Amino acid sequence: MSYIRDLAKQILPKQILPTVIHFTGELQSIWYAGQQYTCPCCGGVFRKFRTGGVNKRQNAVCPKCNSLERHRLLWMYLKNKTNLFVKDLRVLHICPEFFSGKH
């Protein structure tokens, strides 16, 4: 994997390297490769999380599954404090979902 990182650094100018890597799946994993943070939702391990959210918080968005802090916290709560993932349960999902107006 390090050979891909070295190749990307040689080919892409430093100004556009983060942008290109952010939007390309395989190169994105190289940009965020590391052992500092683990996403409990997808199991990905990264050097850092992406900047995101309304206030552009650092280390807010998982590079792999796009989960935010609240998603990861809810996942850990449901996994560690409930039997939702162990038993065959029914869940009522109530949330103000985004609606584009197109059917």
PDB file of N, CA and C in Angstrom:
ATOM      1  N   MET A   1       0.821  -1.193   0.000  1.00  0.00           N
ATOM      2  CA  MET A   1       0.000   0.000   0.000  1.00  0.00           C
ATOM      3  C   MET A   1       0.865   1.257   0.000  1.00  0.00           C
ATOM      4  N   SER A   2       2.050   1.184   0.573  1.00  0.00           N
ATOM      5  CA  SER A   2       2.919   2.363   0.599  1.00  0.00           C
ATOM      6  C   SER A   2       3.389   2.753  -0.796  1.00  0.00           C
ATOM      7  N   TYR A   3       3.482   1.754  -1.702  1.00  0.00           N
ATOM      8  CA  TYR A   3       3.895   2.096  -3.065  1.00  0.00           C
ATOM      9  C   TYR A   3       2.841   2.931  -3.773  1.00  0.00           C
ATOM     10  N   ILE A   4       1.558   2.712  -3.459  1.00  0.00           N
ATOM     11  CA  ILE A   4       0.497   3.531  -4.054  1.00  0.00           C
ATOM     12  C   ILE A   4       0.568   4.952  -3.508  1.00  0.00           C
ATOM     13  N   ARG A   5       0.832   5.087  -2.213  1.00  0.00           N
ATOM     14  CA  ARG A   5       0.961   6.416  -1.609  1.00  0.00           C
ATOM     15  C   ARG A   5       2.125   7.175  -2.242  1.00  0.00           C
ATOM     16  N   ASP A   6       3.268   6.504  -2.409  1.00  0.00           N
ATOM     17  CA  ASP A   6       4.434   7.150  -3.016  1.00  0.00           C
ATOM     18  C   ASP A   6       4.149   7.545  -4.465  1.00  0.00           C
ATOM     19  N   LEU A   7       3.468   6.685  -5.193  1.00  0.00           N
ATOM     20  CA  LEU A   7       3.126   6.987  -6.577  1.00  0.00           C
ATOM     21  C   LEU A   7       2.196   8.193  -6.656  1.00  0.00           C
ATOM     22  N   ALA A   8       1.191   8.247  -5.775  1.00  0.00           N
ATOM     23  CA  ALA A   8       0.260   9.382  -5.771  1.00  0.00           C
ATOM     24  C   ALA A   8       0.995  10.676  -5.461  1.00  0.00           C
ATOM     25  N   LYS A   9       1.939  10.634  -4.532  1.00  0.00           N
ATOM     26  CA  LYS A   9       2.697  11.841  -4.181  1.00  0.00           C
ATOM     27  C   LYS A   9       3.560  12.311  -5.348  1.00  0.00           C
ATOM     28  N   GLN A  10       4.061  11.380  -6.142  1.00  0.00           N
ATOM     29  CA  GLN A  10       4.896  11.746  -7.277  1.00  0.00           C
ATOM     30  C   GLN A  10       4.065  12.311  -8.430  1.00  0.00           C
ATOM     31  N   ILE A  11       2.894  11.745  -8.634  1.00  0.00           N
ATOM     32  CA  ILE A  11       2.074  12.129  -9.789  1.00  0.00           C
ATOM     33  C   ILE A  11       1.284  13.405  -9.546  1.00  0.00           C
ATOM     34  N   LEU A  12       0.681  13.529  -8.361  1.00  0.00           N
ATOM     35  CA  LEU A  12      -0.235  14.638  -8.104  1.00  0.00           C
ATOM     36  C   LEU A  12       0.464  15.809  -7.425  1.00  0.00           C
ATOM     37  N   PRO A  13       0.187  17.037  -7.865  1.00  0.00           N
ATOM     38  CA  PRO A  13       0.742  18.210  -7.185  1.00  0.00           C
ATOM     39  C   PRO A  13       0.199  18.292  -5.756  1.00  0.00           C
ATOM     40  N   LYS A  14       1.006  18.810  -4.852  1.00  0.00           N
ATOM     41  CA  LYS A  14       0.628  18.862  -3.438  1.00  0.00           C
ATOM     42  C   LYS A  14      -0.635  19.683  -3.193  1.00  0.00           C
ATOM     43  N   GLN A  15      -0.919  20.691  -4.040  1.00  0.00           N
ATOM     44  CA  GLN A  15      -2.094  21.519  -3.837  1.00  0.00           C
ATOM     45  C   GLN A  15      -3.390  20.728  -4.035  1.00  0.00           C
ATOM     46  N   ILE A  16      -3.407  19.799  -5.003  1.00  0.00           N
ATOM     47  CA  ILE A  16      -4.643  19.076  -5.280  1.00  0.00           C
ATOM     48  C   ILE A  16      -4.660  17.673  -4.693  1.00  0.00           C
ATOM     49  N   LEU A  17      -3.576  17.198  -4.150  1.00  0.00           N
ATOM     50  CA  LEU A  17      -3.512  15.839  -3.613  1.00  0.00           C
ATOM     51  C   LEU A  17      -4.609  15.553  -2.589  1.00  0.00           C
ATOM     52  N   PRO A  18      -4.817  16.399  -1.563  1.00  0.00           N
ATOM     53  CA  PRO A  18      -5.887  16.094  -0.601  1.00  0.00           C
ATOM     54  C   PRO A  18      -7.277  16.070  -1.238  1.00  0.00           C
ATOM     55  N   THR A  19      -7.546  16.967  -2.186  1.00  0.00           N
ATOM     56  CA  THR A  19      -8.861  17.020  -2.819  1.00  0.00           C
ATOM     57  C   THR A  19      -9.111  15.778  -3.661  1.00  0.00           C
ATOM     58  N   VAL A  20      -8.151  15.399  -4.453  1.00  0.00           N
ATOM     59  CA  VAL A  20      -8.302  14.219  -5.308  1.00  0.00           C
ATOM     60  C   VAL A  20      -8.440  12.967  -4.456  1.00  0.00           C
ATOM     61  N   ILE A  21      -7.627  12.860  -3.444  1.00  0.00           N
ATOM     62  CA  ILE A  21      -7.681  11.689  -2.577  1.00  0.00           C
ATOM     63  C   ILE A  21      -9.008  11.633  -1.836  1.00  0.00           C
ATOM     64  N   HIS A  22      -9.560  12.759  -1.464  1.00  0.00           N
ATOM     65  CA  HIS A  22     -10.839  12.794  -0.746  1.00  0.00           C
ATOM     66  C   HIS A  22     -11.963  12.187  -1.588  1.00  0.00           C
ATOM     67  N   PHE A  23     -11.945  12.380  -2.895  1.00  0.00           N
ATOM     68  CA  PHE A  23     -13.034  11.920  -3.741  1.00  0.00           C
ATOM     69  C   PHE A  23     -12.742  10.603  -4.457  1.00  0.00           C
ATOM     70  N   THR A  24     -11.612   9.989  -4.225  1.00  0.00           N
ATOM     71  CA  THR A  24     -11.305   8.725  -4.880  1.00  0.00           C
ATOM     72  C   THR A  24     -11.172   7.647  -3.831  1.00  0.00           C
ATOM     73  N   GLY A  25     -11.954   6.607  -3.950  1.00  0.00           N
ATOM     74  CA  GLY A  25     -12.021   5.568  -2.927  1.00  0.00           C
ATOM     75  C   GLY A  25     -10.689   5.016  -2.468  1.00  0.00           C
ATOM     76  N   GLU A  26      -9.898   4.450  -3.373  1.00  0.00           N
ATOM     77  CA  GLU A  26      -8.652   3.801  -2.971  1.00  0.00           C
ATOM     78  C   GLU A  26      -7.635   4.822  -2.479  1.00  0.00           C
ATOM     79  N   LEU A  27      -7.524   5.935  -3.162  1.00  0.00           N
ATOM     80  CA  LEU A  27      -6.579   6.956  -2.729  1.00  0.00           C
ATOM     81  C   LEU A  27      -7.017   7.587  -1.415  1.00  0.00           C
ATOM     82  N   GLN A  28      -8.335   7.657  -1.189  1.00  0.00           N
ATOM     83  CA  GLN A  28      -8.829   8.209   0.073  1.00  0.00           C
ATOM     84  C   GLN A  28      -8.340   7.368   1.242  1.00  0.00           C
ATOM     85  N   SER A  29      -8.368   6.056   1.089  1.00  0.00           N
ATOM     86  CA  SER A  29      -7.909   5.206   2.179  1.00  0.00           C
ATOM     87  C   SER A  29      -6.420   5.410   2.446  1.00  0.00           C
ATOM     88  N   ILE A  30      -5.667   5.769   1.431  1.00  0.00           N
ATOM     89  CA  ILE A  30      -4.245   6.063   1.632  1.00  0.00           C
ATOM     90  C   ILE A  30      -4.091   7.372   2.401  1.00  0.00           C
ATOM     91  N   TRP A  31      -4.869   8.385   2.029  1.00  0.00           N
ATOM     92  CA  TRP A  31      -4.773   9.691   2.673  1.00  0.00           C
ATOM     93  C   TRP A  31      -5.081   9.593   4.164  1.00  0.00           C
ATOM     94  N   TYR A  32      -6.037   8.748   4.534  1.00  0.00           N
ATOM     95  CA  TYR A  32      -6.446   8.622   5.924  1.00  0.00           C
ATOM     96  C   TYR A  32      -5.862   7.391   6.606  1.00  0.00           C
ATOM     97  N   ALA A  33      -4.925   6.706   5.961  1.00  0.00           N
ATOM     98  CA  ALA A  33      -4.344   5.484   6.533  1.00  0.00           C
ATOM     99  C   ALA A  33      -3.626   5.789   7.839  1.00  0.00           C
ATOM    100  N   GLY A  34      -3.881   4.972   8.835  1.00  0.00           N
ATOM    101  CA  GLY A  34      -3.242   5.132  10.134  1.00  0.00           C
ATOM    102  C   GLY A  34      -3.948   4.306  11.183  1.00  0.00           C
ATOM    103  N   GLN A  35      -3.537   4.459  12.419  1.00  0.00           N
ATOM    104  CA  GLN A  35      -4.064   3.657  13.519  1.00  0.00           C
ATOM    105  C   GLN A  35      -4.647   4.507  14.644  1.00  0.00           C
ATOM    106  N   GLN A  36      -4.803   5.802  14.445  1.00  0.00           N
ATOM    107  CA  GLN A  36      -5.197   6.718  15.517  1.00  0.00           C
ATOM    108  C   GLN A  36      -6.673   6.590  15.913  1.00  0.00           C
ATOM    109  N   TYR A  37      -7.579   6.474  14.929  1.00  0.00           N
ATOM    110  CA  TYR A  37      -9.020   6.465  15.183  1.00  0.00           C
ATOM    111  C   TYR A  37      -9.657   5.221  14.582  1.00  0.00           C
ATOM    112  N   THR A  38     -10.650   4.679  15.278  1.00  0.00           N
ATOM    113  CA  THR A  38     -11.426   3.543  14.784  1.00  0.00           C
ATOM    114  C   THR A  38     -12.896   3.923  14.763  1.00  0.00           C
ATOM    115  N   CYS A  39     -13.562   3.636  13.660  1.00  0.00           N
ATOM    116  CA  CYS A  39     -14.993   3.898  13.553  1.00  0.00           C
ATOM    117  C   CYS A  39     -15.749   2.661  14.016  1.00  0.00           C
ATOM    118  N   PRO A  40     -16.577   2.778  15.056  1.00  0.00           N
ATOM    119  CA  PRO A  40     -17.321   1.614  15.523  1.00  0.00           C
ATOM    120  C   PRO A  40     -18.414   1.173  14.545  1.00  0.00           C
ATOM    121  N   CYS A  41     -18.856   2.057  13.669  1.00  0.00           N
ATOM    122  CA  CYS A  41     -19.933   1.720  12.729  1.00  0.00           C
ATOM    123  C   CYS A  41     -19.444   0.794  11.615  1.00  0.00           C
ATOM    124  N   CYS A  42     -18.330   1.126  10.987  1.00  0.00           N
ATOM    125  CA  CYS A  42     -17.836   0.339   9.850  1.00  0.00           C
ATOM    126  C   CYS A  42     -16.587  -0.466  10.174  1.00  0.00           C
ATOM    127  N   GLY A  43     -15.957  -0.182  11.318  1.00  0.00           N
ATOM    128  CA  GLY A  43     -14.745  -0.908  11.695  1.00  0.00           C
ATOM    129  C   GLY A  43     -13.475  -0.377  11.047  1.00  0.00           C
ATOM    130  N   GLY A  44     -13.575   0.711  10.291  1.00  0.00           N
ATOM    131  CA  GLY A  44     -12.406   1.290   9.639  1.00  0.00           C
ATOM    132  C   GLY A  44     -11.449   1.917  10.642  1.00  0.00           C
ATOM    133  N   VAL A  45     -10.151   1.837  10.343  1.00  0.00           N
ATOM    134  CA  VAL A  45      -9.112   2.406  11.199  1.00  0.00           C
ATOM    135  C   VAL A  45      -8.384   3.467  10.385  1.00  0.00           C
ATOM    136  N   PHE A  46      -8.246   4.669  10.961  1.00  0.00           N
ATOM    137  CA  PHE A  46      -7.740   5.803  10.199  1.00  0.00           C
ATOM    138  C   PHE A  46      -6.745   6.641  10.998  1.00  0.00           C
ATOM    139  N   ARG A  47      -5.969   7.428  10.269  1.00  0.00           N
ATOM    140  CA  ARG A  47      -5.059   8.403  10.866  1.00  0.00           C
ATOM    141  C   ARG A  47      -5.851   9.532  11.492  1.00  0.00           C
ATOM    142  N   LYS A  48      -6.941   9.908  10.824  1.00  0.00           N
ATOM    143  CA  LYS A  48      -7.832  10.952  11.321  1.00  0.00           C
ATOM    144  C   LYS A  48      -9.165  10.801  10.609  1.00  0.00           C
ATOM    145  N   PHE A  49     -10.189  11.437  11.165  1.00  0.00           N
ATOM    146  CA  PHE A  49     -11.478  11.514  10.484  1.00  0.00           C
ATOM    147  C   PHE A  49     -11.490  12.799   9.657  1.00  0.00           C
ATOM    148  N   ARG A  50     -12.429  12.880   8.719  1.00  0.00           N
ATOM    149  CA  ARG A  50     -12.545  14.070   7.874  1.00  0.00           C
ATOM    150  C   ARG A  50     -13.177  15.218   8.644  1.00  0.00           C
ATOM    151  N   THR A  51     -12.906  16.424   8.183  1.00  0.00           N
ATOM    152  CA  THR A  51     -13.569  17.609   8.712  1.00  0.00           C
ATOM    153  C   THR A  51     -14.987  17.616   8.164  1.00  0.00           C
ATOM    154  N   GLY A  52     -15.964  17.997   9.012  1.00  0.00           N
ATOM    155  CA  GLY A  52     -17.338  17.989   8.529  1.00  0.00           C
ATOM    156  C   GLY A  52     -18.303  18.579   9.525  1.00  0.00           C
ATOM    157  N   GLY A  53     -19.576  18.493   9.172  1.00  0.00           N
ATOM    158  CA  GLY A  53     -20.623  19.062  10.003  1.00  0.00           C
ATOM    159  C   GLY A  53     -20.877  20.503   9.625  1.00  0.00           C
ATOM    160  N   VAL A  54     -21.891  21.079  10.239  1.00  0.00           N
ATOM    161  CA  VAL A  54     -22.281  22.464   9.950  1.00  0.00           C
ATOM    162  C   VAL A  54     -21.158  23.433  10.299  1.00  0.00           C
ATOM    163  N   ASN A  55     -20.502  23.209  11.420  1.00  0.00           N
ATOM    164  CA  ASN A  55     -19.428  24.105  11.878  1.00  0.00           C
ATOM    165  C   ASN A  55     -18.049  23.676  11.415  1.00  0.00           C
ATOM    166  N   LYS A  56     -17.975  22.721  10.492  1.00  0.00           N
ATOM    167  CA  LYS A  56     -16.699  22.225   9.960  1.00  0.00           C
ATOM    168  C   LYS A  56     -15.765  21.775  11.088  1.00  0.00           C
ATOM    169  N   ARG A  57     -16.255  20.832  11.887  1.00  0.00           N
ATOM    170  CA  ARG A  57     -15.468  20.287  12.992  1.00  0.00           C
ATOM    171  C   ARG A  57     -14.392  19.350  12.460  1.00  0.00           C
ATOM    172  N   GLN A  58     -13.207  19.417  13.057  1.00  0.00           N
ATOM    173  CA  GLN A  58     -12.134  18.502  12.688  1.00  0.00           C
ATOM    174  C   GLN A  58     -12.437  17.126  13.269  1.00  0.00           C
ATOM    175  N   ASN A  59     -12.007  16.084  12.564  1.00  0.00           N
ATOM    176  CA  ASN A  59     -12.192  14.695  12.987  1.00  0.00           C
ATOM    177  C   ASN A  59     -13.653  14.372  13.276  1.00  0.00           C
ATOM    178  N   ALA A  60     -14.557  14.799  12.407  1.00  0.00           N
ATOM    179  CA  ALA A  60     -15.987  14.605  12.638  1.00  0.00           C
ATOM    180  C   ALA A  60     -16.595  13.491  11.793  1.00  0.00           C
ATOM    181  N   VAL A  61     -16.109  13.282  10.568  1.00  0.00           N
ATOM    182  CA  VAL A  61     -16.753  12.368   9.626  1.00  0.00           C
ATOM    183  C   VAL A  61     -15.841  11.189   9.309  1.00  0.00           C
ATOM    184  N   CYS A  62     -16.391   9.987   9.382  1.00  0.00           N
ATOM    185  CA  CYS A  62     -15.630   8.794   9.025  1.00  0.00           C
ATOM    186  C   CYS A  62     -15.372   8.788   7.521  1.00  0.00           C
ATOM    187  N   PRO A  63     -14.135   8.589   7.088  1.00  0.00           N
ATOM    188  CA  PRO A  63     -13.832   8.577   5.656  1.00  0.00           C
ATOM    189  C   PRO A  63     -14.464   7.408   4.907  1.00  0.00           C
ATOM    190  N   LYS A  64     -14.799   6.341   5.602  1.00  0.00           N
ATOM    191  CA  LYS A  64     -15.335   5.151   4.933  1.00  0.00           C
ATOM    192  C   LYS A  64     -16.861   5.152   4.867  1.00  0.00           C
ATOM    193  N   CYS A  65     -17.536   5.383   5.991  1.00  0.00           N
ATOM    194  CA  CYS A  65     -19.002   5.260   6.016  1.00  0.00           C
ATOM    195  C   CYS A  65     -19.724   6.595   6.210  1.00  0.00           C
ATOM    196  N   ASN A  66     -18.978   7.685   6.334  1.00  0.00           N
ATOM    197  CA  ASN A  66     -19.532   9.037   6.493  1.00  0.00           C
ATOM    198  C   ASN A  66     -20.326   9.243   7.778  1.00  0.00           C
ATOM    199  N   SER A  67     -20.087   8.428   8.798  1.00  0.00           N
ATOM    200  CA  SER A  67     -20.797   8.609  10.067  1.00  0.00           C
ATOM    201  C   SER A  67     -20.220   9.814  10.811  1.00  0.00           C
ATOM    202  N   LEU A  68     -21.097  10.513  11.517  1.00  0.00           N
ATOM    203  CA  LEU A  68     -20.701  11.635  12.363  1.00  0.00           C
ATOM    204  C   LEU A  68     -20.546  11.147  13.800  1.00  0.00           C
ATOM    205  N   GLU A  69     -20.137  12.057  14.685  1.00  0.00           N
ATOM    206  CA  GLU A  69     -19.946  11.689  16.088  1.00  0.00           C
ATOM    207  C   GLU A  69     -21.214  11.114  16.691  1.00  0.00           C
ATOM    208  N   ARG A  70     -22.367  11.723  16.385  1.00  0.00           N
ATOM    209  CA  ARG A  70     -23.623  11.257  16.973  1.00  0.00           C
ATOM    210  C   ARG A  70     -23.978   9.856  16.488  1.00  0.00           C
ATOM    211  N   HIS A  71     -23.648   9.543  15.236  1.00  0.00           N
ATOM    212  CA  HIS A  71     -23.910   8.201  14.718  1.00  0.00           C
ATOM    213  C   HIS A  71     -23.043   7.174  15.438  1.00  0.00           C
ATOM    214  N   ARG A  72     -21.763   7.514  15.617  1.00  0.00           N
ATOM    215  CA  ARG A  72     -20.853   6.572  16.281  1.00  0.00           C
ATOM    216  C   ARG A  72     -21.225   6.383  17.746  1.00  0.00           C
ATOM    217  N   LEU A  73     -21.649   7.452  18.408  1.00  0.00           N
ATOM    218  CA  LEU A  73     -22.072   7.355  19.807  1.00  0.00           C
ATOM    219  C   LEU A  73     -23.331   6.495  19.927  1.00  0.00           C
ATOM    220  N   LEU A  74     -24.299   6.715  19.060  1.00  0.00           N
ATOM    221  CA  LEU A  74     -25.525   5.926  19.092  1.00  0.00           C
ATOM    222  C   LEU A  74     -25.227   4.451  18.813  1.00  0.00           C
ATOM    223  N   TRP A  75     -24.356   4.187  17.852  1.00  0.00           N
ATOM    224  CA  TRP A  75     -23.969   2.811  17.528  1.00  0.00           C
ATOM    225  C   TRP A  75     -23.359   2.126  18.751  1.00  0.00           C
ATOM    226  N   MET A  76     -22.447   2.814  19.414  1.00  0.00           N
ATOM    227  CA  MET A  76     -21.799   2.220  20.595  1.00  0.00           C
ATOM    228  C   MET A  76     -22.805   2.008  21.719  1.00  0.00           C
ATOM    229  N   TYR A  77     -23.734   2.936  21.908  1.00  0.00           N
ATOM    230  CA  TYR A  77     -24.759   2.766  22.935  1.00  0.00           C
ATOM    231  C   TYR A  77     -25.630   1.552  22.622  1.00  0.00           C
ATOM    232  N   LEU A  78     -26.124   1.467  21.397  1.00  0.00           N
ATOM    233  CA  LEU A  78     -26.989   0.354  21.016  1.00  0.00           C
ATOM    234  C   LEU A  78     -26.263  -0.986  21.119  1.00  0.00           C
ATOM    235  N   LYS A  79     -24.999  -0.996  20.769  1.00  0.00           N
ATOM    236  CA  LYS A  79     -24.230  -2.246  20.819  1.00  0.00           C
ATOM    237  C   LYS A  79     -23.893  -2.659  22.246  1.00  0.00           C
ATOM    238  N   ASN A  80     -23.495  -1.710  23.084  1.00  0.00           N
ATOM    239  CA  ASN A  80     -23.006  -2.035  24.426  1.00  0.00           C
ATOM    240  C   ASN A  80     -24.083  -2.054  25.507  1.00  0.00           C
ATOM    241  N   LYS A  81     -25.171  -1.331  25.318  1.00  0.00           N
ATOM    242  CA  LYS A  81     -26.172  -1.189  26.375  1.00  0.00           C
ATOM    243  C   LYS A  81     -27.520  -1.821  26.050  1.00  0.00           C
ATOM    244  N   THR A  82     -27.691  -2.361  24.847  1.00  0.00           N
ATOM    245  CA  THR A  82     -28.959  -2.993  24.484  1.00  0.00           C
ATOM    246  C   THR A  82     -28.687  -4.374  23.891  1.00  0.00           C
ATOM    247  N   ASN A  83     -29.740  -5.115  23.642  1.00  0.00           N
ATOM    248  CA  ASN A  83     -29.606  -6.421  22.983  1.00  0.00           C
ATOM    249  C   ASN A  83     -30.110  -6.348  21.540  1.00  0.00           C
ATOM    250  N   LEU A  84     -30.084  -5.178  20.958  1.00  0.00           N
ATOM    251  CA  LEU A  84     -30.611  -4.950  19.620  1.00  0.00           C
ATOM    252  C   LEU A  84     -29.906  -5.792  18.559  1.00  0.00           C
ATOM    253  N   PHE A  85     -28.608  -5.988  18.689  1.00  0.00           N
ATOM    254  CA  PHE A  85     -27.854  -6.730  17.683  1.00  0.00           C
ATOM    255  C   PHE A  85     -27.774  -8.225  17.982  1.00  0.00           C
ATOM    256  N   VAL A  86     -28.281  -8.630  19.149  1.00  0.00           N
ATOM    257  CA  VAL A  86     -28.210 -10.023  19.552  1.00  0.00           C
ATOM    258  C   VAL A  86     -29.530 -10.747  19.294  1.00  0.00           C
ATOM    259  N   LYS A  87     -30.632 -10.108  19.618  1.00  0.00           N
ATOM    260  CA  LYS A  87     -31.953 -10.716  19.470  1.00  0.00           C
ATOM    261  C   LYS A  87     -32.636 -10.239  18.186  1.00  0.00           C
ATOM    262  N   ASP A  88     -33.628 -10.991  17.772  1.00  0.00           N
ATOM    263  CA  ASP A  88     -34.415 -10.632  16.599  1.00  0.00           C
ATOM    264  C   ASP A  88     -35.531  -9.691  17.043  1.00  0.00           C
ATOM    265  N   LEU A  89     -35.243  -8.398  17.054  1.00  0.00           N
ATOM    266  CA  LEU A  89     -36.179  -7.393  17.550  1.00  0.00           C
ATOM    267  C   LEU A  89     -36.724  -6.545  16.413  1.00  0.00           C
ATOM    268  N   ARG A  90     -37.837  -5.886  16.665  1.00  0.00           N
ATOM    269  CA  ARG A  90     -38.398  -4.938  15.718  1.00  0.00           C
ATOM    270  C   ARG A  90     -38.134  -3.538  16.246  1.00  0.00           C
ATOM    271  N   VAL A  91     -37.827  -2.620  15.326  1.00  0.00           N
ATOM    272  CA  VAL A  91     -37.487  -1.249  15.708  1.00  0.00           C
ATOM    273  C   VAL A  91     -38.385  -0.288  14.940  1.00  0.00           C
ATOM    274  N   LEU A  92     -38.924   0.686  15.651  1.00  0.00           N
ATOM    275  CA  LEU A  92     -39.687   1.757  15.010  1.00  0.00           C
ATOM    276  C   LEU A  92     -38.731   2.932  14.807  1.00  0.00           C
ATOM    277  N   HIS A  93     -38.458   3.257  13.561  1.00  0.00           N
ATOM    278  CA  HIS A  93     -37.523   4.331  13.217  1.00  0.00           C
ATOM    279  C   HIS A  93     -38.326   5.604  12.947  1.00  0.00           C
ATOM    280  N   ILE A  94     -38.134   6.611  13.787  1.00  0.00           N
ATOM    281  CA  ILE A  94     -38.804   7.899  13.605  1.00  0.00           C
ATOM    282  C   ILE A  94     -37.723   8.963  13.499  1.00  0.00           C
ATOM    283  N   CYS A  95     -37.683   9.638  12.351  1.00  0.00           N
ATOM    284  CA  CYS A  95     -36.635  10.625  12.124  1.00  0.00           C
ATOM    285  C   CYS A  95     -37.089  11.593  11.039  1.00  0.00           C
ATOM    286  N   PRO A  96     -36.791  12.864  11.175  1.00  0.00           N
ATOM    287  CA  PRO A  96     -37.118  13.808  10.102  1.00  0.00           C
ATOM    288  C   PRO A  96     -36.149  13.622   8.932  1.00  0.00           C
ATOM    289  N   GLU A  97     -36.480  12.752   8.013  1.00  0.00           N
ATOM    290  CA  GLU A  97     -35.615  12.453   6.879  1.00  0.00           C
ATOM    291  C   GLU A  97     -35.639  13.578   5.856  1.00  0.00           C
ATOM    292  N   PHE A  98     -34.567  13.709   5.097  1.00  0.00           N
ATOM    293  CA  PHE A  98     -34.503  14.688   4.024  1.00  0.00           C
ATOM    294  C   PHE A  98     -35.452  14.279   2.910  1.00  0.00           C
ATOM    295  N   PHE A  99     -36.242  15.211   2.414  1.00  0.00           N
ATOM    296  CA  PHE A  99     -37.171  14.942   1.331  1.00  0.00           C
ATOM    297  C   PHE A  99     -36.884  15.918   0.210  1.00  0.00           C
ATOM    298  N   SER A 100     -36.550  15.396  -0.956  1.00  0.00           N
ATOM    299  CA  SER A 100     -36.188  16.260  -2.088  1.00  0.00           C
ATOM    300  C   SER A 100     -37.397  16.747  -2.865  1.00  0.00           C
ATOM    301  N   GLY A 101     -38.578  16.154  -2.640  1.00  0.00           N
ATOM    302  CA  GLY A 101     -39.763  16.562  -3.380  1.00  0.00           C
ATOM    303  C   GLY A 101     -39.970  15.759  -4.657  1.00  0.00           C
ATOM    304  N   LYS A 102     -38.987  14.911  -5.020  1.00  0.00           N
ATOM    305  CA  LYS A 102     -39.105  14.072  -6.208  1.00  0.00           C
ATOM    306  C   LYS A 102     -39.535  12.669  -5.775  1.00  0.00           C
ATOM    307  N   HIS A 103     -40.405  12.054  -6.541  1.00  0.00           N
ATOM    308  CA  HIS A 103     -40.885  10.708  -6.216  1.00  0.00           C
ATOM    309  C   HIS A 103     -40.285   9.687  -7.120  1.00  0.00           C
TER     310      HIS A 103
END
